[in-house]
Protein backbone atom coordinates (compact mmCIF):
# COMPACT_ATOMS: atom_id res chain seq x y z
CA MET A 1 102.96 67.97 -50.55
CA GLY A 2 105.56 70.25 -50.03
CA GLN A 3 109.13 70.11 -51.15
CA GLU A 4 111.60 68.67 -48.83
CA THR A 5 114.71 70.39 -47.67
CA PRO A 6 117.57 68.26 -48.63
CA LYS A 7 119.58 66.98 -45.60
CA ASN A 8 123.05 68.13 -46.99
CA THR A 9 124.45 70.93 -49.01
CA TYR A 10 127.19 70.23 -50.97
CA VAL A 11 130.22 72.59 -51.68
CA THR A 12 132.61 71.95 -54.50
CA LEU A 13 136.08 73.12 -54.06
CA HIS A 14 139.55 72.40 -55.73
CA LYS A 15 141.82 70.03 -53.60
CA ASN A 16 144.51 72.93 -53.19
CA PHE A 17 141.93 74.73 -50.80
CA VAL A 18 140.86 71.10 -48.79
CA ARG A 19 143.30 69.44 -46.16
CA THR A 20 142.49 66.25 -44.82
CA ASP A 21 143.24 64.13 -41.83
CA ILE A 22 145.22 66.70 -40.14
CA GLU A 23 146.19 65.14 -37.06
CA TYR A 24 146.18 66.67 -33.50
CA THR A 25 146.32 65.25 -29.84
CA ASP A 26 142.93 65.93 -28.00
CA ARG A 27 143.80 68.07 -24.91
CA THR A 28 141.57 66.01 -22.29
CA THR A 29 142.10 62.46 -23.22
CA GLY A 30 145.60 62.95 -24.93
CA GLU A 31 144.66 60.62 -27.99
CA ILE A 32 145.35 61.58 -31.28
CA LYS A 33 142.29 62.43 -33.65
CA LYS A 34 142.17 64.02 -36.93
CA PHE A 35 139.76 66.62 -38.27
CA ASN A 36 139.38 68.25 -42.29
CA SER A 37 140.05 71.92 -43.06
CA VAL A 38 138.35 74.02 -46.06
CA THR A 39 139.96 77.58 -46.84
CA LEU A 40 137.69 79.61 -48.89
CA PRO A 41 139.39 80.64 -52.33
CA LYS A 42 140.26 84.28 -52.83
CA GLY A 43 136.99 86.16 -54.15
CA THR A 44 134.79 84.85 -52.17
CA VAL A 45 131.78 87.14 -51.03
CA ILE A 46 129.01 86.47 -49.17
CA ASP A 47 126.35 88.99 -48.24
CA GLY A 48 128.82 91.80 -49.11
CA HIS A 49 131.39 90.60 -46.43
CA ASP A 50 134.67 89.54 -48.05
CA VAL A 51 135.33 86.19 -46.68
CA SER A 52 138.60 84.94 -48.96
CA TYR A 53 140.67 82.85 -46.84
CA TYR A 54 138.75 82.09 -44.30
CA GLN A 55 138.65 78.81 -43.04
CA PHE A 56 135.89 75.95 -41.72
CA SER A 57 136.22 72.18 -40.41
CA PRO A 58 133.82 69.80 -42.09
CA LEU A 59 133.34 66.52 -40.61
CA PHE A 60 133.48 64.64 -44.20
CA VAL A 61 135.35 65.54 -47.56
CA ASN A 62 134.42 63.00 -50.95
CA ASP A 63 136.27 63.12 -53.73
CA SER A 64 133.92 65.12 -56.29
CA ARG A 65 131.34 62.95 -58.15
CA TYR A 66 130.94 65.05 -60.80
CA ARG A 67 134.22 67.29 -61.42
CA GLY A 68 137.07 65.22 -61.76
CA GLU A 69 139.76 63.72 -59.30
CA ASP A 70 141.36 67.49 -58.65
CA TYR A 71 138.07 68.16 -56.80
CA ARG A 72 136.39 67.63 -53.71
CA ASP A 73 133.10 67.66 -52.59
CA ILE A 74 132.25 68.63 -49.03
CA PRO A 75 128.62 67.74 -47.48
CA LEU A 76 127.38 70.25 -44.93
CA LEU A 77 123.94 69.76 -43.14
CA THR A 78 121.73 72.27 -44.78
CA GLN A 79 120.11 73.46 -41.52
CA ARG A 80 123.15 73.98 -39.42
CA GLU A 81 125.33 77.12 -39.64
CA VAL A 82 129.11 77.19 -40.66
CA TRP A 83 131.16 78.88 -38.71
CA LEU A 84 133.89 80.55 -40.72
CA ARG A 85 137.01 81.82 -39.06
CA LYS A 86 139.90 83.79 -39.84
CA SER A 87 142.91 85.15 -37.83
CA ILE A 88 143.06 88.33 -37.09
CA LEU A 89 146.71 89.89 -37.81
CA ASP A 90 148.51 92.65 -36.94
CA GLU A 91 150.61 95.33 -39.26
CA ASP A 92 153.37 93.21 -39.90
CA GLY A 93 151.18 89.91 -40.80
CA LYS A 94 151.52 88.37 -37.41
CA PRO A 95 148.64 86.69 -35.28
CA VAL A 96 147.09 89.06 -32.96
CA VAL A 97 146.95 87.54 -29.15
CA GLY A 98 144.17 88.23 -26.84
CA GLU A 99 144.83 88.57 -22.62
CA ASP A 100 144.36 84.91 -22.44
CA GLY A 101 147.17 84.00 -24.92
CA ALA A 102 144.84 82.67 -27.59
CA GLU A 103 144.85 84.03 -31.27
CA LEU A 104 142.19 86.43 -32.00
CA ARG A 105 140.15 85.11 -34.91
CA ASP A 106 137.14 87.02 -37.02
CA VAL A 107 134.17 84.63 -36.96
CA VAL A 108 131.30 84.86 -39.72
CA LYS A 109 128.70 82.67 -39.11
CA VAL A 110 126.94 81.67 -42.44
CA MET A 111 124.19 78.73 -43.75
CA PRO A 112 126.03 75.95 -46.33
CA ALA A 113 123.79 77.54 -49.41
CA GLN A 114 125.56 80.94 -48.93
CA ILE A 115 128.80 78.97 -49.05
CA ARG A 116 128.04 76.96 -51.99
CA ASP A 117 126.51 80.05 -53.78
CA ALA A 118 129.46 82.55 -53.32
CA VAL A 119 131.87 79.78 -54.37
CA GLU A 120 129.75 79.08 -57.59
CA ARG A 121 129.39 82.42 -58.13
CA ASN A 122 133.32 83.28 -57.66
CA ARG A 123 134.30 80.06 -59.87
CA ALA A 124 131.88 81.77 -62.63
CA GLU A 125 133.55 85.19 -62.44
CA TYR A 126 137.01 83.63 -62.52
CA LEU A 127 136.27 81.49 -65.77
CA GLU A 128 134.93 84.67 -67.21
CA SER A 129 137.90 86.51 -66.40
CA LEU A 130 140.48 83.77 -67.92
CA ALA A 131 137.92 83.85 -71.16
CA GLN A 132 138.16 87.57 -71.16
CA ARG A 133 141.96 87.26 -70.81
CA ALA A 134 142.14 84.34 -73.77
CA LYS A 135 139.84 86.50 -75.92
CA GLY A 136 142.41 89.45 -75.63
CA ALA A 137 145.33 87.10 -76.24
CA ARG A 138 143.63 85.83 -79.39
CA GLU A 139 142.81 89.17 -80.73
CA GLY A 140 146.40 90.30 -80.58
CA SER A 141 147.99 87.05 -81.63
CA GLU A 142 145.35 88.00 -84.78
CA ARG A 143 146.77 91.52 -85.36
CA LEU A 144 149.87 89.92 -85.35
CA ASN A 145 149.84 87.55 -87.79
CA ARG A 146 148.13 90.18 -89.83
CA GLY A 147 151.13 92.32 -89.51
CA ALA A 148 149.22 95.21 -87.61
CA ALA A 149 150.98 96.66 -84.61
CA PRO A 150 149.80 95.48 -81.61
CA LYS A 151 147.72 98.27 -79.45
CA ASN A 152 149.81 100.89 -77.43
CA SER A 153 152.80 99.76 -79.54
CA ARG A 154 155.10 101.27 -82.12
CA MET A 155 156.77 97.84 -83.09
CA SER A 156 156.25 96.73 -86.83
CA ARG A 157 156.38 93.51 -87.98
CA GLU A 158 160.39 93.61 -88.73
CA ASP A 159 161.05 94.18 -84.87
CA ILE A 160 159.62 90.62 -84.10
CA PRO A 161 162.64 88.14 -84.12
CA PHE A 162 160.83 85.29 -85.17
């Protein structure tokens, strides 16, 4: 038997990128409804296209099973494409409006696995950059403790006020 494709693909993001239960009034019925919104983090790239700050509205958002209380799992139907949207802004940062009065948006259509993979790749690159910065800070601290001047500096140990 061939391997069956899972029904859902899960995208896990920090809660700061996820808003839930946003209320709006349905134009046709007048009833109050709710939706969820996810904003992709800076540095998210899919097929060479930077989709930083693009948004989509998932049907469900759950507390993360594995990453802790600060993360959210977003189940997306594996076989259904997701429309990522971002407002088009003018030079002054104001939304560009079309002839019909609606804001113009850039739309990128992707599959859920592409979002998951891009977010994971972005997270790995971010964590690597943090590790590199921490390594640089440790090396600088060790040089100071040994009495050596920091790189690109003319300070001596006596110049440090503590």
